[in-house]
Amino acid sequence: QLQLVESGGGLVQPGGSLRLSCVASGFTLDTYSIGWFRQAPGKGREGVSCIRRSDDSTLHADSVKGRFTISRDNAKNTVYLQMNNLKPEDTAVYFCAAVPDEILIRRCVFTEREYDYWGQGTQVTVSS
């Protein structure tokens, strides 16, 4: 079964940090770029960060620039999202998704329909 599994979410105080993991099972991430998305209560899903397989270039939403870092460990078939200086507005369910790297023209994208595989999500709550 081909799937992505997220972990690492939880409750954290404002200013705190979390590291999310996205592990692929049933397939290798060698030919996929990975995106992290999030959906806050009552809002639509939005792209947060993504990383290209071919050159490890990254893209971050303006709201998380300077605070979030995306990285990958190909040996572990895992992509990470390091989230620092978390704010209450970062509260959401975080999803990772995989898009074939070959369809990307320049950099990774936040276009959801391009992504083939999605995880079930992990809850991140930022609250004092």
Foldseek 3Di string as FASTA:
>chain_A
DWAKAKDWADEAAQQAKIKMKIAIPPDACQQWKKWKWWDDPPGDIWTAKIAANPPRDMDGDPVQPPFWDWDDDRVRSMIMIIGGRDDQVVWTWMKMFIAGNVVDDPTDDTPVVRTDHMHPTDTHGYHD
